[in-house]
Amino acid sequence: MKNRIRELRERRDLTTDEVAKILGVDRSAVVKWETGVNLPRLDKAIALAKLLRCSMDEMLGLD
């Protein structure tokens, strides 16, 4: 999942600030997800996959 979220976010032309605002989290949380420091909670992971228009498998690199 490390770097996969960033790649998918960039494909959608979204900034970390935009993702954070839409999901209701701090920008630092998004950065931590992208760098693999932390994982999003399940509800945030589902919302993130919807926002990035991908499946959970794709977001997790299981595709």
N, C-alpha and C. Protein backbone atom coordinates (compact mmCIF):
# COMPACT_ATOMS: atom_id res chain seq x y z
N MET A 1 0.83 -1.19 0.00
CA MET A 1 0.00 0.00 0.00
C MET A 1 0.87 1.25 0.00
N LYS A 2 2.07 1.11 0.52
CA LYS A 2 2.99 2.25 0.55
C LYS A 2 3.17 2.81 -0.86
N ASN A 3 3.02 4.09 -0.98
CA ASN A 3 3.16 4.84 -2.24
C ASN A 3 2.00 4.61 -3.21
N ARG A 4 1.23 3.55 -3.03
CA ARG A 4 0.11 3.26 -3.92
C ARG A 4 -0.97 4.34 -3.79
N ILE A 5 -1.24 4.73 -2.56
CA ILE A 5 -2.25 5.76 -2.34
C ILE A 5 -1.82 7.06 -3.01
N ARG A 6 -0.55 7.42 -2.87
CA ARG A 6 -0.07 8.65 -3.50
C ARG A 6 -0.22 8.57 -5.01
N GLU A 7 0.14 7.44 -5.59
CA GLU A 7 0.02 7.26 -7.04
C GLU A 7 -1.43 7.43 -7.49
N LEU A 8 -2.35 6.80 -6.79
CA LEU A 8 -3.76 6.91 -7.15
C LEU A 8 -4.28 8.32 -6.93
N ARG A 9 -3.84 8.97 -5.86
CA ARG A 9 -4.25 10.36 -5.59
C ARG A 9 -3.78 11.28 -6.71
N GLU A 10 -2.53 11.10 -7.10
CA GLU A 10 -1.98 11.96 -8.16
C GLU A 10 -2.68 11.73 -9.49
N ARG A 11 -3.10 10.51 -9.77
CA ARG A 11 -3.87 10.24 -10.99
C ARG A 11 -5.17 11.04 -11.03
N ARG A 12 -5.73 11.30 -9.86
CA ARG A 12 -6.97 12.05 -9.75
C ARG A 12 -6.71 13.54 -9.62
N ASP A 13 -5.44 13.95 -9.69
CA ASP A 13 -5.07 15.36 -9.55
C ASP A 13 -5.58 15.97 -8.25
N LEU A 14 -5.44 15.23 -7.18
CA LEU A 14 -5.83 15.71 -5.86
C LEU A 14 -4.59 15.96 -5.02
N THR A 15 -4.64 16.97 -4.17
CA THR A 15 -3.55 17.21 -3.23
C THR A 15 -3.85 16.48 -1.93
N THR A 16 -2.83 16.35 -1.10
CA THR A 16 -3.05 15.73 0.21
C THR A 16 -4.02 16.58 1.03
N ASP A 17 -3.94 17.89 0.88
CA ASP A 17 -4.87 18.78 1.59
C ASP A 17 -6.31 18.53 1.17
N GLU A 18 -6.54 18.36 -0.13
CA GLU A 18 -7.89 18.12 -0.64
C GLU A 18 -8.44 16.79 -0.13
N VAL A 19 -7.62 15.76 -0.18
CA VAL A 19 -8.05 14.45 0.31
C VAL A 19 -8.39 14.52 1.79
N ALA A 20 -7.52 15.17 2.55
CA ALA A 20 -7.74 15.30 3.99
C ALA A 20 -9.06 16.02 4.27
N LYS A 21 -9.31 17.10 3.58
CA LYS A 21 -10.54 17.87 3.79
C LYS A 21 -11.77 17.05 3.45
N ILE A 22 -11.75 16.36 2.34
CA ILE A 22 -12.89 15.55 1.90
C ILE A 22 -13.16 14.41 2.90
N LEU A 23 -12.10 13.79 3.41
CA LEU A 23 -12.26 12.65 4.32
C LEU A 23 -12.40 13.07 5.78
N GLY A 24 -12.19 14.36 6.06
CA GLY A 24 -12.34 14.83 7.42
C GLY A 24 -11.21 14.41 8.35
N VAL A 25 -9.99 14.38 7.81
CA VAL A 25 -8.81 14.03 8.60
C VAL A 25 -7.76 15.11 8.42
N ASP A 26 -6.72 15.05 9.22
CA ASP A 26 -5.60 15.98 9.06
C ASP A 26 -4.76 15.57 7.86
N ARG A 27 -4.12 16.55 7.26
CA ARG A 27 -3.21 16.29 6.13
C ARG A 27 -2.13 15.29 6.53
N SER A 28 -1.67 15.39 7.77
CA SER A 28 -0.61 14.49 8.23
C SER A 28 -1.06 13.03 8.20
N ALA A 29 -2.35 12.78 8.42
CA ALA A 29 -2.87 11.41 8.35
C ALA A 29 -2.73 10.87 6.94
N VAL A 30 -3.07 11.68 5.96
CA VAL A 30 -2.96 11.26 4.56
C VAL A 30 -1.50 10.99 4.21
N VAL A 31 -0.61 11.85 4.63
CA VAL A 31 0.83 11.65 4.38
C VAL A 31 1.30 10.35 5.01
N LYS A 32 0.86 10.06 6.22
CA LYS A 32 1.25 8.82 6.89
C LYS A 32 0.71 7.59 6.16
N TRP A 33 -0.49 7.68 5.61
CA TRP A 33 -1.02 6.57 4.82
C TRP A 33 -0.17 6.36 3.57
N GLU A 34 0.19 7.47 2.93
CA GLU A 34 0.96 7.38 1.69
C GLU A 34 2.37 6.85 1.91
N THR A 35 2.93 7.11 3.06
CA THR A 35 4.30 6.67 3.33
C THR A 35 4.35 5.33 4.07
N GLY A 36 3.20 4.80 4.43
CA GLY A 36 3.15 3.51 5.10
C GLY A 36 3.41 3.57 6.60
N VAL A 37 3.45 4.77 7.16
CA VAL A 37 3.65 4.91 8.60
C VAL A 37 2.42 4.40 9.35
N ASN A 38 1.24 4.73 8.86
CA ASN A 38 -0.04 4.30 9.43
C ASN A 38 -0.94 3.81 8.31
N LEU A 39 -1.96 3.07 8.70
CA LEU A 39 -3.00 2.64 7.77
C LEU A 39 -4.29 3.35 8.12
N PRO A 40 -5.11 3.65 7.12
CA PRO A 40 -6.40 4.28 7.43
C PRO A 40 -7.33 3.28 8.11
N ARG A 41 -8.20 3.79 8.97
CA ARG A 41 -9.27 2.96 9.54
C ARG A 41 -10.12 2.45 8.38
N LEU A 42 -10.84 1.38 8.61
CA LEU A 42 -11.63 0.77 7.55
C LEU A 42 -12.61 1.75 6.92
N ASP A 43 -13.29 2.55 7.73
CA ASP A 43 -14.26 3.50 7.16
C ASP A 43 -13.56 4.54 6.29
N LYS A 44 -12.38 4.97 6.70
CA LYS A 44 -11.63 5.95 5.91
C LYS A 44 -11.05 5.29 4.66
N ALA A 45 -10.64 4.02 4.76
CA ALA A 45 -10.10 3.30 3.60
C ALA A 45 -11.18 3.14 2.53
N ILE A 46 -12.38 2.82 2.96
CA ILE A 46 -13.50 2.68 2.01
C ILE A 46 -13.80 4.02 1.34
N ALA A 47 -13.86 5.08 2.14
CA ALA A 47 -14.11 6.42 1.58
C ALA A 47 -12.98 6.84 0.65
N LEU A 48 -11.76 6.50 1.01
CA LEU A 48 -10.60 6.86 0.17
C LEU A 48 -10.66 6.12 -1.16
N ALA A 49 -10.99 4.84 -1.13
CA ALA A 49 -11.10 4.07 -2.38
C ALA A 49 -12.19 4.67 -3.28
N LYS A 50 -13.30 5.06 -2.69
CA LYS A 50 -14.38 5.69 -3.48
C LYS A 50 -13.90 7.01 -4.07
N LEU A 51 -13.22 7.80 -3.26
CA LEU A 51 -12.70 9.09 -3.72
C LEU A 51 -11.71 8.91 -4.87
N LEU A 52 -10.85 7.91 -4.75
CA LEU A 52 -9.83 7.66 -5.76
C LEU A 52 -10.34 6.84 -6.93
N ARG A 53 -11.62 6.45 -6.84
CA ARG A 53 -12.28 5.67 -7.90
C ARG A 53 -11.52 4.39 -8.22
N CYS A 54 -11.25 3.64 -7.16
CA CYS A 54 -10.55 2.37 -7.33
C CYS A 54 -11.14 1.36 -6.35
N SER A 55 -10.80 0.12 -6.55
CA SER A 55 -11.23 -0.91 -5.61
C SER A 55 -10.28 -0.94 -4.41
N MET A 56 -10.73 -1.55 -3.34
CA MET A 56 -9.86 -1.71 -2.18
C MET A 56 -8.64 -2.55 -2.57
N ASP A 57 -8.85 -3.59 -3.39
CA ASP A 57 -7.73 -4.41 -3.84
C ASP A 57 -6.69 -3.59 -4.58
N GLU A 58 -7.15 -2.73 -5.47
CA GLU A 58 -6.23 -1.88 -6.22
C GLU A 58 -5.49 -0.94 -5.29
N MET A 59 -6.20 -0.36 -4.34
CA MET A 59 -5.57 0.58 -3.41
C MET A 59 -4.54 -0.12 -2.54
N LEU A 60 -4.80 -1.38 -2.21
CA LEU A 60 -3.87 -2.14 -1.38
C LEU A 60 -2.77 -2.81 -2.19
N GLY A 61 -2.83 -2.65 -3.51
CA GLY A 61 -1.81 -3.24 -4.37
C GLY A 61 -2.01 -4.73 -4.59
N LEU A 62 -3.25 -5.20 -4.45
CA LEU A 62 -3.56 -6.61 -4.62
C LEU A 62 -4.13 -6.94 -5.98
N ASP A 63 -4.22 -5.96 -6.85
CA ASP A 63 -4.82 -6.16 -8.18
C ASP A 63 -3.89 -6.90 -9.11
